[in-house]
Amino acid sequence: MSIANVRTGAERKTPQALFRVSPATRDGAVNRMTMDLGAPEPHGRTAALGVLLDDCLGFTMYERRGDRAGLVSADLSVDFVRPTGWTGPQLTAEGRLETRGEDGAMSSVRVFDTAGELVATGTAWGNFVDGVQQSRDERPLAPADGSGPTMTPLETIGGTLERTDRGARLTVPPNRSLANALGVMHGGVQACAYDLAGNAAAAGSAGAMDTSSLRINFFRTVPLDRPVVFEAEVLRAGRRVVVSRVTCTDADGRECGVATVTCRRPAPSTLGERDQAPS
């Protein structure tokens, strides 16, 4: 979870900088964040929204934590209402607190494009924690060098995607730029990886697909000192809908989380030229 990301210097890359996500602004009960779209990203387009969604949901709960030290993600649920065809130049996420208890909270988010069209909705549960230090850098986050608008989400996280007998495998190498305030993999980066792996598994069995929903349960933090693997397998492949399960495993073989990724076949008018599944 990226409740806050500490930048140790002006040159430090962050998940927010890599995905062109702004700091949050508070407007009454609403937290707003924006994401610059840049050029179209045909490969894993919905995967690019992970940091925006996770940050907006997380900050909304974090700012209402009271005297608790911090917050960690428990689960994240997203429905992509319109996975393609967004109007730029940016998307805007609006987060609201839905409930708060002694040990945690739940928030919701709605994402709109510049034309005001709904792109995605989501919810998250977070657990309050003590004995940690999380701080937030309010400086604007300009895109990092080499993370220009032509990079796909897969290239941005530096992952390697391959087809397997059961689906697909995404391997993310050690990369400190993918860290949150606690020095572990940002929850939005995980969401990006889950989407990419699950969609690739679906495309391998059914051709080009759009991710329509993503449900993640976070079990434990994901270290960044060694490679992390997201293993996807197809659970059900229908004519129009394919459901994949993706498991995140660290270098010691521990399961760090699991996600269910639902993909739908795009309408014929939106197919155009789509990236092929990994070979």
C-alpha atoms as a PDB file:
ATOM      1  CA  MET A   1       0.000   0.000   0.000  1.00  0.00           C
ATOM      2  CA  SER A   2       1.344   3.420  -0.749  1.00  0.00           C
ATOM      3  CA  ILE A   3      -0.061   5.462   2.064  1.00  0.00           C
ATOM      4  CA  ALA A   4       2.890   7.733   1.615  1.00  0.00           C
ATOM      5  CA  ASN A   5       6.145   7.520  -0.259  1.00  0.00           C
ATOM      6  CA  VAL A   6       9.297   9.028   1.159  1.00  0.00           C
ATOM      7  CA  ARG A   7      11.571  10.591  -1.434  1.00  0.00           C
ATOM      8  CA  THR A   8      15.156  10.729  -0.210  1.00  0.00           C
ATOM      9  CA  GLY A   9      16.244  13.159  -2.899  1.00  0.00           C
ATOM     10  CA  ALA A  10      15.076  15.064  -5.934  1.00  0.00           C
ATOM     11  CA  GLU A  11      16.412  12.293  -8.182  1.00  0.00           C
ATOM     12  CA  ARG A  12      14.525   9.499  -6.434  1.00  0.00           C
ATOM     13  CA  LYS A  13      11.946   7.787  -8.647  1.00  0.00           C
ATOM     14  CA  THR A  14       8.660   6.782  -7.056  1.00  0.00           C
ATOM     15  CA  PRO A  15       5.669   4.744  -8.235  1.00  0.00           C
ATOM     16  CA  GLN A  16       3.754   8.029  -8.429  1.00  0.00           C
ATOM     17  CA  ALA A  17       6.376   9.571 -10.696  1.00  0.00           C
ATOM     18  CA  LEU A  18       6.622   6.476 -12.860  1.00  0.00           C
ATOM     19  CA  PHE A  19       2.863   6.457 -13.458  1.00  0.00           C
ATOM     20  CA  ARG A  20       2.470  10.271 -13.529  1.00  0.00           C
ATOM     21  CA  VAL A  21       0.198  10.424 -10.457  1.00  0.00           C
ATOM     22  CA  SER A  22      -0.202  13.692  -8.524  1.00  0.00           C
ATOM     23  CA  PRO A  23      -0.357  14.142  -4.739  1.00  0.00           C
ATOM     24  CA  ALA A  24      -3.844  14.171  -3.213  1.00  0.00           C
ATOM     25  CA  THR A  25      -5.825  17.339  -2.576  1.00  0.00           C
ATOM     26  CA  ARG A  26      -8.614  17.520   0.008  1.00  0.00           C
ATOM     27  CA  ASP A  27     -11.999  19.060  -0.857  1.00  0.00           C
ATOM     28  CA  GLY A  28     -14.323  18.519   2.069  1.00  0.00           C
ATOM     29  CA  ALA A  29     -15.064  14.812   2.299  1.00  0.00           C
ATOM     30  CA  VAL A  30     -13.398  14.096  -1.058  1.00  0.00           C
ATOM     31  CA  ASN A  31      -9.755  13.355  -1.813  1.00  0.00           C
ATOM     32  CA  ARG A  32      -8.719  13.985  -5.418  1.00  0.00           C
ATOM     33  CA  MET A  33      -5.722  12.747  -7.360  1.00  0.00           C
ATOM     34  CA  THR A  34      -4.914  12.976 -11.056  1.00  0.00           C
ATOM     35  CA  MET A  35      -2.952  10.864 -13.508  1.00  0.00           C
ATOM     36  CA  ASP A  36      -1.510  12.213 -16.752  1.00  0.00           C
ATOM     37  CA  LEU A  37      -2.366   9.872 -19.601  1.00  0.00           C
ATOM     38  CA  GLY A  38       0.389  10.736 -22.049  1.00  0.00           C
ATOM     39  CA  ALA A  39       0.236   8.789 -25.309  1.00  0.00           C
ATOM     40  CA  PRO A  40      -2.131   5.799 -25.655  1.00  0.00           C
ATOM     41  CA  GLU A  41      -0.906   2.649 -23.909  1.00  0.00           C
ATOM     42  CA  PRO A  42      -2.454  -0.272 -25.803  1.00  0.00           C
ATOM     43  CA  HIS A  43      -0.807  -2.973 -23.693  1.00  0.00           C
ATOM     44  CA  GLY A  44      -2.290  -3.356 -20.218  1.00  0.00           C
ATOM     45  CA  ARG A  45      -4.092  -0.042 -20.235  1.00  0.00           C
ATOM     46  CA  THR A  46      -6.179  -0.713 -17.129  1.00  0.00           C
ATOM     47  CA  ALA A  47      -3.015  -1.941 -15.383  1.00  0.00           C
ATOM     48  CA  ALA A  48      -1.664   1.623 -15.574  1.00  0.00           C
ATOM     49  CA  LEU A  49      -4.370   2.750 -13.116  1.00  0.00           C
ATOM     50  CA  GLY A  50      -3.099   0.677 -10.183  1.00  0.00           C
ATOM     51  CA  VAL A  51      -1.076   3.391  -8.446  1.00  0.00           C
ATOM     52  CA  LEU A  52      -3.786   6.032  -8.949  1.00  0.00           C
ATOM     53  CA  LEU A  53      -6.474   3.777  -7.478  1.00  0.00           C
ATOM     54  CA  ASP A  54      -4.405   2.441  -4.594  1.00  0.00           C
ATOM     55  CA  ASP A  55      -3.070   5.862  -3.614  1.00  0.00           C
ATOM     56  CA  CYS A  56      -6.440   7.606  -3.693  1.00  0.00           C
ATOM     57  CA  LEU A  57      -8.105   4.868  -1.656  1.00  0.00           C
ATOM     58  CA  GLY A  58      -5.171   4.669   0.743  1.00  0.00           C
ATOM     59  CA  PHE A  59      -4.754   8.396   1.366  1.00  0.00           C
ATOM     60  CA  THR A  60      -8.485   8.696   2.020  1.00  0.00           C
ATOM     61  CA  MET A  61      -8.214   6.209   4.890  1.00  0.00           C
ATOM     62  CA  TYR A  62      -4.767   7.326   6.052  1.00  0.00           C
ATOM     63  CA  GLU A  63      -5.837  10.928   6.598  1.00  0.00           C
ATOM     64  CA  ARG A  64      -8.651   9.696   8.872  1.00  0.00           C
ATOM     65  CA  ARG A  65      -6.479   7.363  10.931  1.00  0.00           C
ATOM     66  CA  GLY A  66      -6.624   9.544  14.055  1.00  0.00           C
ATOM     67  CA  ASP A  67      -3.785   8.784  16.473  1.00  0.00           C
ATOM     68  CA  ARG A  68      -2.784   5.541  14.762  1.00  0.00           C
ATOM     69  CA  ALA A  69       0.679   5.499  13.196  1.00  0.00           C
ATOM     70  CA  GLY A  70      -0.117   4.135   9.761  1.00  0.00           C
ATOM     71  CA  LEU A  71      -2.201   1.954   7.484  1.00  0.00           C
ATOM     72  CA  VAL A  72      -1.635  -1.227   5.486  1.00  0.00           C
ATOM     73  CA  SER A  73      -3.806  -2.688   2.746  1.00  0.00           C
ATOM     74  CA  ALA A  74      -6.076  -5.641   3.408  1.00  0.00           C
ATOM     75  CA  ASP A  75      -7.889  -5.892   0.085  1.00  0.00           C
ATOM     76  CA  LEU A  76      -8.634  -3.923  -3.079  1.00  0.00           C
ATOM     77  CA  SER A  77     -11.570  -4.329  -5.462  1.00  0.00           C
ATOM     78  CA  VAL A  78     -11.893  -2.520  -8.815  1.00  0.00           C
ATOM     79  CA  ASP A  79     -14.420  -2.561 -11.660  1.00  0.00           C
ATOM     80  CA  PHE A  80     -13.265  -1.058 -14.937  1.00  0.00           C
ATOM     81  CA  VAL A  81     -16.436   0.491 -16.333  1.00  0.00           C
ATOM     82  CA  ARG A  82     -14.703   1.687 -19.500  1.00  0.00           C
ATOM     83  CA  PRO A  83     -11.320  -0.021 -19.980  1.00  0.00           C
ATOM     84  CA  THR A  84     -10.418   1.853 -23.186  1.00  0.00           C
ATOM     85  CA  GLY A  85     -11.307   4.992 -25.121  1.00  0.00           C
ATOM     86  CA  TRP A  86     -10.494   7.522 -22.416  1.00  0.00           C
ATOM     87  CA  THR A  87     -10.410  11.247 -23.177  1.00  0.00           C
ATOM     88  CA  GLY A  88      -7.229  13.013 -22.021  1.00  0.00           C
ATOM     89  CA  PRO A  89      -5.107  14.668 -21.022  1.00  0.00           C
ATOM     90  CA  GLN A  90      -5.670  13.177 -17.570  1.00  0.00           C
ATOM     91  CA  LEU A  91      -7.838  11.032 -15.326  1.00  0.00           C
ATOM     92  CA  THR A  92      -9.203  12.233 -11.988  1.00  0.00           C
ATOM     93  CA  ALA A  93      -9.807   9.930  -9.011  1.00  0.00           C
ATOM     94  CA  GLU A  94     -12.204  10.952  -6.237  1.00  0.00           C
ATOM     95  CA  GLY A  95     -11.958   9.049  -2.959  1.00  0.00           C
ATOM     96  CA  ARG A  96     -14.393   9.018  -0.037  1.00  0.00           C
ATOM     97  CA  LEU A  97     -14.317   7.386   3.376  1.00  0.00           C
ATOM     98  CA  GLU A  98     -17.161   4.882   3.724  1.00  0.00           C
ATOM     99  CA  THR A  99     -16.584   3.647   7.273  1.00  0.00           C
ATOM    100  CA  ARG A 100     -13.976   3.823  10.032  1.00  0.00           C
ATOM    101  CA  GLY A 101     -13.507   1.554  13.015  1.00  0.00           C
ATOM    102  CA  GLU A 102     -10.989   1.283  15.803  1.00  0.00           C
ATOM    103  CA  ASP A 103      -8.625  -0.936  13.810  1.00  0.00           C
ATOM    104  CA  GLY A 104      -9.315  -0.060  10.191  1.00  0.00           C
ATOM    105  CA  ALA A 105     -11.365   1.692   7.554  1.00  0.00           C
ATOM    106  CA  MET A 106     -12.975   1.309   4.140  1.00  0.00           C
ATOM    107  CA  SER A 107     -12.889   3.830   1.305  1.00  0.00           C
ATOM    108  CA  SER A 108     -14.327   4.077  -2.191  1.00  0.00           C
ATOM    109  CA  VAL A 109     -13.103   5.711  -5.394  1.00  0.00           C
ATOM    110  CA  ARG A 110     -14.525   6.793  -8.747  1.00  0.00           C
ATOM    111  CA  VAL A 111     -12.256   7.637 -11.687  1.00  0.00           C
ATOM    112  CA  PHE A 112     -13.300   9.984 -14.503  1.00  0.00           C
ATOM    113  CA  ASP A 113     -11.620  11.043 -17.716  1.00  0.00           C
ATOM    114  CA  THR A 114     -11.341  14.678 -18.837  1.00  0.00           C
ATOM    115  CA  ALA A 115     -14.730  14.482 -20.577  1.00  0.00           C
ATOM    116  CA  GLY A 116     -16.344  13.498 -17.273  1.00  0.00           C
ATOM    117  CA  GLU A 117     -17.012   9.897 -18.334  1.00  0.00           C
ATOM    118  CA  LEU A 118     -16.759   7.225 -15.650  1.00  0.00           C
ATOM    119  CA  VAL A 119     -13.709   4.976 -16.148  1.00  0.00           C
ATOM    120  CA  ALA A 120     -13.535   2.841 -12.993  1.00  0.00           C
ATOM    121  CA  THR A 121     -14.931   2.375  -9.502  1.00  0.00           C
ATOM    122  CA  GLY A 122     -13.280   0.699  -6.552  1.00  0.00           C
ATOM    123  CA  THR A 123     -13.190   0.017  -2.821  1.00  0.00           C
ATOM    124  CA  ALA A 124     -10.480  -0.910  -0.354  1.00  0.00           C
ATOM    125  CA  TRP A 125     -10.172  -2.008   3.251  1.00  0.00           C
ATOM    126  CA  GLY A 126      -7.136  -0.965   5.279  1.00  0.00           C
ATOM    127  CA  ASN A 127      -5.841  -1.957   8.707  1.00  0.00           C
ATOM    128  CA  PHE A 128      -4.442   0.679  11.075  1.00  0.00           C
ATOM    129  CA  VAL A 129      -1.025  -0.153  12.502  1.00  0.00           C
ATOM    130  CA  ASP A 130       1.257   1.245  15.181  1.00  0.00           C
ATOM    131  CA  GLY A 131       5.015   1.307  15.534  1.00  0.00           C
ATOM    132  CA  VAL A 132       5.677   2.448  11.945  1.00  0.00           C
ATOM    133  CA  GLN A 133       6.637   5.769  10.427  1.00  0.00           C
ATOM    134  CA  GLN A 134       4.932   6.886   7.242  1.00  0.00           C
ATOM    135  CA  SER A 135       5.339  10.397   5.901  1.00  0.00           C
ATOM    136  CA  ARG A 136       4.097  12.100   2.782  1.00  0.00           C
ATOM    137  CA  ASP A 137       6.077  14.258   0.368  1.00  0.00           C
ATOM    138  CA  GLU A 138       3.898  17.113  -0.876  1.00  0.00           C
ATOM    139  CA  ARG A 139       6.185  18.139  -3.752  1.00  0.00           C
ATOM    140  CA  PRO A 140       4.790  17.693  -7.267  1.00  0.00           C
ATOM    141  CA  LEU A 141       5.871  14.390  -8.770  1.00  0.00           C
ATOM    142  CA  ALA A 142       7.149  14.964 -12.301  1.00  0.00           C
ATOM    143  CA  PRO A 143       7.562  11.901 -14.540  1.00  0.00           C
ATOM    144  CA  ALA A 144      10.881  10.196 -13.894  1.00  0.00           C
ATOM    145  CA  ASP A 145      13.574  10.075 -16.561  1.00  0.00           C
ATOM    146  CA  GLY A 146      12.902   7.234 -18.975  1.00  0.00           C
ATOM    147  CA  SER A 147       9.264   6.858 -17.896  1.00  0.00           C
ATOM    148  CA  GLY A 148       7.824   8.842 -20.785  1.00  0.00           C
ATOM    149  CA  PRO A 149       4.360   8.417 -22.231  1.00  0.00           C
ATOM    150  CA  THR A 150       5.419   5.757 -24.743  1.00  0.00           C
ATOM    151  CA  MET A 151       6.251   3.196 -22.030  1.00  0.00           C
ATOM    152  CA  THR A 152       3.730   0.472 -21.299  1.00  0.00           C
ATOM    153  CA  PRO A 153       2.869  -0.523 -17.708  1.00  0.00           C
ATOM    154  CA  LEU A 154       4.921  -3.701 -18.180  1.00  0.00           C
ATOM    155  CA  GLU A 155       7.955  -1.683 -19.224  1.00  0.00           C
ATOM    156  CA  THR A 156       7.390   0.807 -16.397  1.00  0.00           C
ATOM    157  CA  ILE A 157       7.655  -1.873 -13.695  1.00  0.00           C
ATOM    158  CA  GLY A 158      10.472  -3.635 -15.565  1.00  0.00           C
ATOM    159  CA  GLY A 159       8.622  -6.944 -15.671  1.00  0.00           C
ATOM    160  CA  THR A 160       9.065  -9.997 -17.860  1.00  0.00           C
ATOM    161  CA  LEU A 161       5.871 -11.669 -19.075  1.00  0.00           C
ATOM    162  CA  GLU A 162       5.774 -15.212 -20.457  1.00  0.00           C
ATOM    163  CA  ARG A 163       3.147 -17.783 -21.350  1.00  0.00           C
ATOM    164  CA  THR A 164       2.921 -20.988 -19.320  1.00  0.00           C
ATOM    165  CA  ASP A 165       0.989 -24.226 -19.724  1.00  0.00           C
ATOM    166  CA  ARG A 166      -1.595 -23.017 -17.206  1.00  0.00           C
ATOM    167  CA  GLY A 167      -1.681 -19.316 -18.075  1.00  0.00           C
ATOM    168  CA  ALA A 168       1.059 -16.712 -17.708  1.00  0.00           C
ATOM    169  CA  ARG A 169       3.913 -15.690 -15.436  1.00  0.00           C
ATOM    170  CA  LEU A 170       5.086 -12.147 -14.683  1.00  0.00           C
ATOM    171  CA  THR A 171       8.448 -11.673 -12.968  1.00  0.00           C
ATOM    172  CA  VAL A 172       9.335  -8.293 -11.456  1.00  0.00           C
ATOM    173  CA  PRO A 173      13.058  -7.808 -10.718  1.00  0.00           C
ATOM    174  CA  PRO A 174      14.372  -5.907  -7.681  1.00  0.00           C
ATOM    175  CA  ASN A 175      13.593  -2.211  -8.151  1.00  0.00           C
ATOM    176  CA  ARG A 176      13.606   0.364  -5.361  1.00  0.00           C
ATOM    177  CA  SER A 177      11.536   2.741  -7.481  1.00  0.00           C
ATOM    178  CA  LEU A 178       8.542   0.444  -6.923  1.00  0.00           C
ATOM    179  CA  ALA A 179       8.637   0.878  -3.134  1.00  0.00           C
ATOM    180  CA  ASN A 180       6.121   2.508  -0.823  1.00  0.00           C
ATOM    181  CA  ALA A 181       6.866   4.364   2.407  1.00  0.00           C
ATOM    182  CA  LEU A 182       7.705   1.115   4.192  1.00  0.00           C
ATOM    183  CA  GLY A 183      10.252   0.062   1.576  1.00  0.00           C
ATOM    184  CA  VAL A 184       8.176  -2.800   0.171  1.00  0.00           C
ATOM    185  CA  MET A 185       6.311  -3.115  -3.129  1.00  0.00           C
ATOM    186  CA  HIS A 186       3.644  -0.449  -3.573  1.00  0.00           C
ATOM    187  CA  GLY A 187       0.099  -1.855  -3.542  1.00  0.00           C
ATOM    188  CA  GLY A 188      -0.682  -0.071  -6.802  1.00  0.00           C
ATOM    189  CA  VAL A 189       2.338  -1.663  -8.473  1.00  0.00           C
ATOM    190  CA  GLN A 190       1.048  -5.028  -7.284  1.00  0.00           C
ATOM    191  CA  ALA A 191      -2.369  -4.203  -8.763  1.00  0.00           C
ATOM    192  CA  CYS A 192      -0.662  -3.388 -12.062  1.00  0.00           C
ATOM    193  CA  ALA A 193       1.194  -6.706 -12.028  1.00  0.00           C
ATOM    194  CA  TYR A 194      -1.899  -8.732 -11.086  1.00  0.00           C
ATOM    195  CA  ASP A 195      -3.819  -7.121 -13.962  1.00  0.00           C
ATOM    196  CA  LEU A 196      -1.034  -7.738 -16.484  1.00  0.00           C
ATOM    197  CA  ALA A 197      -0.559 -11.386 -15.516  1.00  0.00           C
ATOM    198  CA  GLY A 198      -4.263 -12.189 -15.310  1.00  0.00           C
ATOM    199  CA  ASN A 199      -5.036 -10.494 -18.608  1.00  0.00           C
ATOM    200  CA  ALA A 200      -2.137 -12.259 -20.330  1.00  0.00           C
ATOM    201  CA  ALA A 201      -3.418 -15.625 -19.119  1.00  0.00           C
ATOM    202  CA  ALA A 202      -6.901 -14.797 -20.424  1.00  0.00           C
ATOM    203  CA  ALA A 203      -5.573 -13.589 -23.771  1.00  0.00           C
ATOM    204  CA  GLY A 204      -3.548 -16.763 -24.132  1.00  0.00           C
ATOM    205  CA  SER A 205      -6.736 -18.827 -24.156  1.00  0.00           C
ATOM    206  CA  ALA A 206      -9.135 -16.448 -25.895  1.00  0.00           C
ATOM    207  CA  GLY A 207      -7.258 -13.737 -27.794  1.00  0.00           C
ATOM    208  CA  ALA A 208      -7.273 -10.022 -26.998  1.00  0.00           C
ATOM    209  CA  MET A 209      -9.264  -9.235 -23.845  1.00  0.00           C
ATOM    210  CA  ASP A 210     -10.146  -6.206 -21.702  1.00  0.00           C
ATOM    211  CA  THR A 211      -9.804  -6.435 -17.925  1.00  0.00           C
ATOM    212  CA  SER A 212     -13.233  -5.769 -16.430  1.00  0.00           C
ATOM    213  CA  SER A 213     -12.607  -6.387 -12.725  1.00  0.00           C
ATOM    214  CA  LEU A 214      -9.788  -6.993 -10.268  1.00  0.00           C
ATOM    215  CA  ARG A 215     -10.141  -8.381  -6.731  1.00  0.00           C
ATOM    216  CA  ILE A 216      -6.980  -8.517  -4.586  1.00  0.00           C
ATOM    217  CA  ASN A 217      -6.333  -9.901  -1.097  1.00  0.00           C
ATOM    218  CA  PHE A 218      -3.003  -8.767   0.357  1.00  0.00           C
ATOM    219  CA  PHE A 219      -1.532 -11.404   2.691  1.00  0.00           C
ATOM    220  CA  ARG A 220       1.865  -9.949   3.560  1.00  0.00           C
ATOM    221  CA  THR A 221       4.291  -7.279   2.384  1.00  0.00           C
ATOM    222  CA  VAL A 222       6.238  -7.911  -0.823  1.00  0.00           C
ATOM    223  CA  PRO A 223      10.023  -7.384  -0.463  1.00  0.00           C
ATOM    224  CA  LEU A 224      11.938  -5.739  -3.288  1.00  0.00           C
ATOM    225  CA  ASP A 225      15.452  -7.089  -2.699  1.00  0.00           C
ATOM    226  CA  ARG A 226      14.830 -10.156  -4.923  1.00  0.00           C
ATOM    227  CA  PRO A 227      12.540 -11.030  -7.834  1.00  0.00           C
ATOM    228  CA  VAL A 228       8.792 -11.324  -7.249  1.00  0.00           C
ATOM    229  CA  VAL A 229       6.620 -13.682  -9.325  1.00  0.00           C
ATOM    230  CA  PHE A 230       2.957 -13.250 -10.276  1.00  0.00           C
ATOM    231  CA  GLU A 231       1.677 -16.621 -11.488  1.00  0.00           C
ATOM    232  CA  ALA A 232      -1.641 -16.614 -13.363  1.00  0.00           C
ATOM    233  CA  GLU A 233      -3.856 -19.580 -14.220  1.00  0.00           C
ATOM    234  CA  VAL A 234      -7.144 -19.616 -16.098  1.00  0.00           C
ATOM    235  CA  LEU A 235     -10.040 -20.781 -13.921  1.00  0.00           C
ATOM    236  CA  ARG A 236     -12.815 -20.496 -16.477  1.00  0.00           C
ATOM    237  CA  ALA A 237     -12.696 -19.612 -20.161  1.00  0.00           C
ATOM    238  CA  GLY A 238     -16.015 -18.798 -21.796  1.00  0.00           C
ATOM    239  CA  ARG A 239     -16.789 -17.322 -25.186  1.00  0.00           C
ATOM    240  CA  ARG A 240     -16.938 -13.768 -23.855  1.00  0.00           C
ATOM    241  CA  VAL A 241     -15.545 -13.906 -20.311  1.00  0.00           C
ATOM    242  CA  VAL A 242     -12.337 -15.430 -18.938  1.00  0.00           C
ATOM    243  CA  VAL A 243     -11.543 -15.590 -15.216  1.00  0.00           C
ATOM    244  CA  SER A 244      -7.941 -15.949 -13.999  1.00  0.00           C
ATOM    245  CA  ARG A 245      -6.427 -16.370 -10.561  1.00  0.00           C
ATOM    246  CA  VAL A 246      -3.055 -14.761  -9.912  1.00  0.00           C
ATOM    247  CA  THR A 247      -0.797 -15.592  -6.970  1.00  0.00           C
ATOM    248  CA  CYS A 248       2.067 -13.328  -5.875  1.00  0.00           C
ATOM    249  CA  THR A 249       5.072 -15.193  -4.469  1.00  0.00           C
ATOM    250  CA  ASP A 250       8.295 -13.794  -3.057  1.00  0.00           C
ATOM    251  CA  ALA A 251      11.767 -15.244  -3.608  1.00  0.00           C
ATOM    252  CA  ASP A 252      11.358 -17.514  -0.558  1.00  0.00           C
ATOM    253  CA  GLY A 253       8.228 -19.075  -1.987  1.00  0.00           C
ATOM    254  CA  ARG A 254       5.832 -17.343   0.411  1.00  0.00           C
ATOM    255  CA  GLU A 255       2.441 -16.316  -0.927  1.00  0.00           C
ATOM    256  CA  CYS A 256       2.108 -12.563  -0.524  1.00  0.00           C
ATOM    257  CA  GLY A 257      -1.339 -12.161  -2.058  1.00  0.00           C
ATOM    258  CA  VAL A 258      -3.884 -13.482  -4.497  1.00  0.00           C
ATOM    259  CA  ALA A 259      -6.144 -11.833  -7.064  1.00  0.00           C
ATOM    260  CA  THR A 260      -9.072 -12.770  -9.255  1.00  0.00           C
ATOM    261  CA  VAL A 261      -8.950 -11.068 -12.644  1.00  0.00           C
ATOM    262  CA  THR A 262     -12.026 -11.088 -14.881  1.00  0.00           C
ATOM    263  CA  CYS A 263     -11.555 -10.241 -18.559  1.00  0.00           C
ATOM    264  CA  ARG A 264     -14.113  -9.687 -21.299  1.00  0.00           C
ATOM    265  CA  ARG A 265     -13.768  -9.890 -25.043  1.00  0.00           C
ATOM    266  CA  PRO A 266     -13.807  -6.354 -26.475  1.00  0.00           C
ATOM    267  CA  ALA A 267     -16.571  -5.303 -28.815  1.00  0.00           C
ATOM    268  CA  PRO A 268     -15.653  -5.728 -32.510  1.00  0.00           C
ATOM    269  CA  SER A 269     -15.584  -1.952 -33.003  1.00  0.00           C
ATOM    270  CA  THR A 270     -12.875  -1.566 -30.342  1.00  0.00           C
ATOM    271  CA  LEU A 271     -10.594  -4.416 -31.355  1.00  0.00           C
ATOM    272  CA  GLY A 272      -8.342  -2.613 -33.867  1.00  0.00           C
ATOM    273  CA  GLU A 273      -4.722  -3.547 -33.429  1.00  0.00           C
ATOM    274  CA  ARG A 274      -4.257  -5.227 -30.045  1.00  0.00           C
ATOM    275  CA  ASP A 275      -1.030  -6.514 -28.528  1.00  0.00           C
ATOM    276  CA  GLN A 276      -0.594 -10.244 -28.899  1.00  0.00           C
ATOM    277  CA  ALA A 277      -0.306 -12.531 -25.914  1.00  0.00           C
ATOM    278  CA  PRO A 278       3.283 -13.266 -24.825  1.00  0.00           C
ATOM    279  CA  SER A 279       4.989 -16.100 -26.669  1.00  0.00           C
END
